[in-house]
Protein backbone atom coordinates (compact mmCIF):
# COMPACT_ATOMS: atom_id res chain seq x y z
CA MET A 1 0.02 0.11 0.16
CA SER A 2 1.46 3.51 -1.23
CA LYS A 3 2.10 6.43 1.58
CA ASN A 4 -0.72 8.40 -0.10
CA SER A 5 -3.36 5.68 0.09
CA ILE A 6 -2.37 5.15 4.33
CA GLU A 7 -2.33 9.45 4.57
CA GLN A 8 -5.96 9.24 2.36
CA LYS A 9 -7.92 7.15 4.88
CA PRO A 10 -8.16 9.85 7.81
CA LEU A 11 -8.84 12.21 5.45
CA GLU A 12 -11.70 10.03 3.94
CA SER A 13 -12.96 9.18 7.41
CA ALA A 14 -13.20 13.17 8.48
CA ILE A 15 -15.06 13.73 5.44
CA PHE A 16 -17.39 10.74 6.30
CA ALA A 17 -17.92 12.27 9.62
CA ALA A 18 -18.46 15.69 8.19
CA LEU A 19 -21.32 14.28 5.52
CA HIS A 20 -23.13 12.76 8.63
CA ARG A 21 -23.00 16.06 10.91
CA ALA A 22 -23.99 18.34 7.74
CA ILE A 23 -26.85 16.01 7.15
CA ALA A 24 -28.28 16.21 10.51
CA HIS A 25 -27.85 19.75 10.48
CA ARG A 26 -29.97 20.31 7.03
CA GLN A 27 -32.30 17.82 8.96
CA PHE A 28 -32.87 19.18 12.46
CA ASN A 29 -31.51 22.19 12.28
CA ASN A 30 -31.32 22.68 15.91
CA GLU A 31 -28.56 22.92 18.75
CA ARG A 32 -29.65 19.33 20.06
CA PHE A 33 -29.37 17.22 16.95
CA GLY A 34 -27.96 19.25 14.29
CA PRO A 35 -25.70 22.00 15.55
CA ASP A 36 -22.85 21.62 13.00
CA TYR A 37 -23.57 24.43 10.66
CA LEU A 38 -19.94 24.38 9.24
CA ALA A 39 -19.90 20.73 8.61
CA GLU A 40 -21.04 21.58 4.48
CA SER A 41 -18.00 23.59 4.21
CA PHE A 42 -15.34 20.70 4.68
CA LEU A 43 -17.07 18.67 2.03
CA PRO A 44 -16.04 17.88 -1.78
CA TYR A 45 -17.87 20.57 -3.81
CA HIS A 46 -20.39 17.87 -5.51
CA ILE A 47 -21.31 16.35 -2.13
CA LYS A 48 -21.72 19.73 -0.44
CA PHE A 49 -24.33 20.53 -3.78
CA LEU A 50 -26.34 17.17 -3.29
CA VAL A 51 -27.00 17.05 0.31
CA LYS A 52 -28.95 20.56 -0.22
CA PHE A 53 -31.64 18.46 -1.83
CA ASN A 54 -34.29 16.75 0.52
CA MET A 55 -34.56 13.64 -1.79
CA ILE A 56 -31.07 13.04 -1.98
CA ARG A 57 -30.24 13.28 1.88
CA ALA A 58 -33.24 11.06 2.16
CA ILE A 59 -31.65 8.14 -0.40
CA ILE A 60 -28.37 8.75 1.45
CA LYS A 61 -29.88 8.15 5.00
CA LYS A 62 -31.41 5.29 3.57
CA ARG A 63 -28.32 3.79 2.38
CA LEU A 64 -26.73 4.78 5.71
CA ASN A 65 -29.32 2.78 7.72
CA GLN A 66 -29.27 -0.05 5.58
CA TYR A 67 -25.33 -0.71 5.37
CA LEU A 68 -24.41 0.77 8.67
CA PRO A 69 -27.37 0.83 11.14
CA GLY A 70 -27.45 3.11 13.91
CA VAL A 71 -24.26 5.04 12.61
CA TYR A 72 -25.96 8.22 11.72
CA GLU A 73 -27.83 8.52 15.20
CA TYR A 74 -24.33 7.67 16.75
CA MET A 75 -22.63 10.29 15.17
CA ILE A 76 -25.75 12.71 16.32
CA ALA A 77 -25.38 11.75 19.70
CA ARG A 78 -21.48 11.77 19.58
CA THR A 79 -21.48 15.37 18.15
CA ALA A 80 -23.70 16.54 21.02
CA CYS A 81 -21.50 15.06 23.76
CA PHE A 82 -18.27 16.22 22.53
CA ASP A 83 -19.95 19.39 22.04
CA ASP A 84 -21.28 19.63 25.75
CA HIS A 85 -17.70 18.83 27.10
CA PHE A 86 -16.06 21.37 24.59
CA ILE A 87 -18.50 24.26 25.76
CA ASP A 88 -18.20 23.26 29.48
CA ALA A 89 -14.68 23.15 29.19
CA LEU A 90 -15.03 27.09 27.55
CA ASN A 91 -17.30 28.26 30.27
CA ASN A 92 -15.02 27.39 33.14
CA ARG A 93 -11.72 28.85 31.27
CA ILE A 94 -10.06 25.47 30.94
CA PRO A 95 -6.41 26.59 29.93
CA GLN A 96 -5.73 24.15 26.98
CA ILE A 97 -7.88 21.88 24.73
CA VAL A 98 -6.32 19.31 22.53
CA LEU A 99 -8.21 17.70 19.67
CA LEU A 100 -6.03 14.50 18.99
CA GLY A 101 -6.86 13.70 15.54
CA THR A 102 -8.89 16.59 15.00
CA GLY A 103 -10.40 15.78 11.58
CA PHE A 104 -12.94 18.65 10.43
CA ASP A 105 -13.95 19.13 13.97
CA SER A 106 -15.26 22.63 13.58
CA ARG A 107 -15.79 23.28 17.65
CA PRO A 108 -13.01 25.77 17.49
CA TYR A 109 -14.86 28.14 15.04
CA ARG A 110 -18.49 27.32 16.17
CA PHE A 111 -17.84 28.29 19.88
CA GLU A 112 -15.29 31.23 19.42
CA LYS A 113 -17.62 33.61 21.16
CA LEU A 114 -17.26 31.62 24.30
CA ASN A 115 -13.65 31.45 24.05
CA ARG A 116 -11.87 33.90 26.81
CA GLY A 117 -8.09 32.68 26.62
CA THR A 118 -8.11 28.58 26.04
CA LYS A 119 -5.62 27.98 23.57
CA ILE A 120 -6.62 25.17 21.06
CA ILE A 121 -4.38 23.05 19.69
CA GLU A 122 -5.66 20.76 16.75
CA LEU A 123 -3.46 17.68 15.85
CA ASP A 124 -3.89 15.63 12.56
CA ILE A 125 -1.91 14.59 9.64
CA ALA A 126 -0.57 17.14 7.39
CA PRO A 127 -3.21 16.02 4.37
CA THR A 128 -6.19 16.47 6.42
CA LEU A 129 -5.16 19.67 8.26
CA ASN A 130 -3.94 20.96 4.61
CA ARG A 131 -7.30 20.44 3.70
CA LYS A 132 -9.00 21.95 6.55
CA THR A 133 -7.18 25.02 6.41
CA ASN A 134 -8.32 25.48 2.65
CA CYS A 135 -11.94 24.83 3.38
CA LEU A 136 -11.94 27.25 6.62
CA LYS A 137 -10.13 30.12 4.30
CA LYS A 138 -12.66 29.26 1.16
CA ALA A 139 -15.55 29.48 3.73
CA ARG A 140 -13.80 32.94 4.97
CA ILE A 141 -13.40 31.64 8.56
CA ASP A 142 -11.04 33.11 10.38
CA ILE A 143 -8.42 31.08 12.67
CA PRO A 144 -8.23 32.90 15.78
CA GLU A 145 -4.94 33.28 17.01
CA HIS A 146 -5.01 30.97 20.17
CA VAL A 147 -6.00 27.95 17.26
CA SER A 148 -3.10 26.25 16.15
CA PHE A 149 -2.72 23.27 13.59
CA VAL A 150 -0.07 20.77 14.42
CA PRO A 151 0.74 18.42 11.91
CA ILE A 152 1.81 15.06 13.21
CA ASP A 153 2.82 11.36 11.91
CA PHE A 154 1.22 9.24 14.76
CA ASP A 155 3.19 6.43 13.73
CA LYS A 156 7.01 8.16 13.36
CA GLU A 157 6.54 11.39 16.04
CA SER A 158 6.52 11.76 19.64
CA LEU A 159 3.35 13.15 20.97
CA PRO A 160 4.93 15.11 23.66
CA ALA A 161 7.86 16.42 22.00
CA VAL A 162 5.12 17.60 19.16
CA LEU A 163 2.66 19.24 21.52
CA LYS A 164 5.50 20.68 23.72
CA LYS A 165 6.82 22.26 20.55
CA ALA A 166 3.38 23.51 19.90
CA GLY A 167 3.45 25.58 22.80
CA PHE A 168 1.55 22.90 25.06
CA ASP A 169 1.84 23.32 28.85
CA THR A 170 1.91 19.90 30.92
CA HIS A 171 1.13 21.52 34.20
CA LYS A 172 -2.11 23.16 32.81
CA ARG A 173 -5.42 21.28 33.18
CA THR A 174 -6.25 20.36 29.78
CA LEU A 175 -9.18 18.87 27.93
CA PHE A 176 -8.44 15.90 25.38
CA LEU A 177 -11.20 15.47 22.54
CA TRP A 178 -10.33 12.00 20.94
CA GLU A 179 -13.36 11.49 18.69
CA GLY A 180 -13.73 8.49 16.18
CA VAL A 181 -10.23 7.21 16.24
CA SER A 182 -9.37 4.46 18.92
CA TYR A 183 -11.15 1.71 17.30
CA TYR A 184 -9.09 2.28 13.83
CA LEU A 185 -5.69 1.95 15.95
CA GLU A 186 -3.84 -1.13 17.58
CA GLN A 187 -3.72 -1.47 21.13
CA GLU A 188 -0.10 -0.47 21.62
CA SER A 189 -1.02 2.81 19.66
CA VAL A 190 -4.12 3.70 22.24
CA ASN A 191 -1.85 2.85 25.42
CA THR A 192 0.89 5.17 24.44
CA MET A 193 -1.88 8.27 24.00
CA LEU A 194 -3.76 7.28 27.30
CA GLU A 195 0.02 7.14 28.87
CA PHE A 196 0.50 10.25 27.61
CA VAL A 197 -2.64 11.69 29.37
CA SER A 198 -2.21 10.20 32.63
CA HIS A 199 0.74 12.52 32.96
CA SER A 200 -1.09 15.58 32.48
CA ALA A 201 -2.13 17.92 35.05
CA GLN A 202 -4.32 17.05 37.85
CA ASN A 203 -8.13 17.53 36.78
CA SER A 204 -7.35 17.26 33.30
CA ILE A 205 -9.95 15.49 31.05
CA ILE A 206 -10.21 12.86 27.95
CA LEU A 207 -13.03 12.16 26.46
CA PHE A 208 -13.24 9.21 23.70
CA ASP A 209 -15.44 6.98 22.12
CA TYR A 210 -14.69 3.14 21.62
CA ILE A 211 -16.11 -0.22 20.79
CA ILE A 212 -16.82 -3.20 23.08
CA SER A 213 -15.52 -6.71 22.51
CA ILE A 214 -18.32 -8.76 20.67
CA PRO A 215 -17.36 -12.59 19.42
CA GLU A 216 -18.77 -12.68 15.79
CA GLU A 217 -21.19 -15.50 17.05
CA ASN A 218 -22.91 -12.78 19.42
CA ARG A 219 -23.02 -9.85 17.04
CA THR A 220 -26.70 -10.31 16.32
CA GLU A 221 -27.66 -9.53 19.84
CA TYR A 222 -26.43 -5.82 19.43
CA TYR A 223 -28.60 -3.64 17.37
CA GLY A 224 -26.73 -3.35 13.76
CA VAL A 225 -23.32 -4.48 14.81
CA LYS A 226 -22.96 -7.87 12.34
CA LYS A 227 -24.27 -5.65 9.58
CA LEU A 228 -21.65 -3.13 10.38
CA PHE A 229 -18.85 -5.56 10.18
CA GLN A 230 -20.12 -7.07 6.99
CA THR A 231 -20.38 -4.04 5.38
CA MET A 232 -16.70 -2.79 6.54
CA LYS A 233 -15.30 -6.38 5.32
CA LYS A 234 -17.25 -6.08 2.14
CA HIS A 235 -16.64 -2.29 1.22
CA HIS A 236 -13.46 -1.34 3.08
CA PRO A 237 -11.45 -4.84 3.73
CA ASP A 238 -8.51 -2.57 4.66
CA GLU A 239 -10.31 -0.84 7.35
CA GLU A 240 -10.23 -2.87 10.35
CA LEU A 241 -11.91 -2.24 13.54
CA LYS A 242 -8.83 -3.19 15.85
CA PHE A 243 -9.25 -1.69 19.22
CA THR A 244 -11.93 -2.82 21.91
CA ILE A 245 -12.34 -2.90 25.77
CA ASP A 246 -14.31 -5.68 26.75
CA GLU A 247 -17.64 -4.90 28.22
CA GLY A 248 -17.76 -4.12 32.05
CA LYS A 249 -14.02 -3.82 32.02
CA GLU A 250 -13.85 -0.01 31.41
CA GLU A 251 -12.97 1.17 34.90
CA SER A 252 -9.98 -1.30 35.22
CA PHE A 253 -9.04 -0.80 31.84
CA LEU A 254 -8.43 2.76 32.54
CA ALA A 255 -7.30 1.96 36.28
CA GLN A 256 -4.29 -0.02 34.50
CA ARG A 257 -3.39 3.02 32.83
CA ARG A 258 -3.29 5.55 35.76
CA LEU A 259 -6.62 6.86 34.61
CA LYS A 260 -9.82 7.55 36.87
CA MET A 261 -13.09 6.91 34.98
CA VAL A 262 -15.08 10.06 35.47
CA ASP A 263 -18.44 9.30 33.21
CA HIS A 264 -19.44 6.27 30.78
CA LEU A 265 -22.09 5.79 28.49
CA ASP A 266 -23.39 2.58 26.63
CA ASN A 267 -25.49 2.31 23.82
CA ASP A 268 -28.84 2.60 26.21
CA ASP A 269 -27.17 5.47 27.95
CA ILE A 270 -26.42 7.25 24.70
CA GLU A 271 -30.08 6.95 23.49
CA ARG A 272 -31.45 8.07 26.83
CA THR A 273 -29.10 11.00 27.60
CA LEU A 274 -28.26 12.41 23.92
CA LEU A 275 -31.50 11.31 21.90
CA LEU A 276 -34.67 12.01 23.07
CA ASN A 277 -36.79 14.48 21.44
CA GLU A 278 -38.53 16.86 23.45
CA ASN A 279 -41.55 14.59 23.71
CA GLY A 280 -39.35 12.05 25.06
CA SER A 281 -39.30 9.84 22.05
CA LEU A 282 -36.30 8.33 20.60
CA THR A 283 -34.65 9.75 17.32
CA GLY A 284 -33.51 6.52 16.78
CA LYS A 285 -30.95 3.83 17.88
CA VAL A 286 -27.19 3.59 17.76
CA THR A 287 -24.97 0.86 16.92
CA GLY A 288 -24.92 -1.58 19.89
CA HIS A 289 -20.83 -1.57 20.32
CA PHE A 290 -20.49 2.01 20.46
CA ARG A 291 -19.41 3.75 23.84
CA LEU A 292 -18.23 7.30 25.28
CA VAL A 293 -16.17 7.60 28.34
CA SER A 294 -14.50 10.41 30.07
CA ALA A 295 -11.29 9.83 32.56
CA SER A 296 -9.03 11.77 34.64
CA PRO A 297 -5.27 11.23 35.54
CA ASN A 298 -5.01 8.91 38.91
CA ILE A 299 -2.82 11.36 40.79
C-alpha cells in the first residue's frame, strides 16, 4: 500500500463524519441534533451540492441505515456529547484543549465567542490539516490566534515532543478530545495515547469513544453490529476495526493505565441522554457496540 493511500484514510474518515453532521444539520437545524452548521464547508463540492436536496439526503440516509444501522444516530449523539464537553471547558476557562486527530472538527469556530483565553491545539496528519485550512479560507472563516494547527505523523513522531513544540504546557489543566479514532488503532497506540494523558495536569479530562469486544457469533445480539462488520469487510476490507475494550472492564482498563473513569455511556445510556426528543420519544437507535467514556489522571 502506498504512503498516499495510507494518508488518505484519515481524510476519508473525516469527510464521512462531516457528511453525517451536515445531513443532521439540514434535517434538524437545531442545537440539539444538528448543531454543526459548518460541516458542509468541509465536503467536496459535488457532495456539498447534493446534500442541499431533501430527496437526495433521504436516499443517503436510507443507504446509511441499510449498510451501517445506527451509525448516523450515533454520530448525532457523539457530536452532542463532545460539544457539551467543549462548551463546558470554555465556560470554565480551562487553559488548554487538545483535539487528537481533529479531522474536520468545527468546535473551535462554532464556539469561538465563548472562548476567553483557552489555547486550542488541533493535531492531525498534514493532508487533513491542509485541506481543513483551505476549506476554512474558502468559507471565509478566520482561524483565531489561540488556535494552532499542528501536523503529526503518529507512527513516527513523539506526541509529547510535538505538543511541547506547539506550546503545550504539561502543568496546565487540559481537555483532550479523541473522537472517532481509537477503534482504528492497535492496542499499543491506544496505550501510548492514554499513557501520555495520564501524566497531564491534575483534573485534566480525556473524552473518547470506543467499541466493546463482541465475539462474531454474538453480534446479532447488538443492534446493527453484524451488518456493520459485514459492510466493512465487503466495502472497506483494509479498514479493520482493531481496538476494543471488554464490556464491564472499562474502569479496570483505565485504572491499569493510571486513569480514573469520570463518566461512561453505553449504547442505552447514549440513547436516553442524547437522543430523546422534547416529547420523550427516541430519535433513533445507535449501533450497539459504541461507547463514550471520560477519564482523568489518577494522581
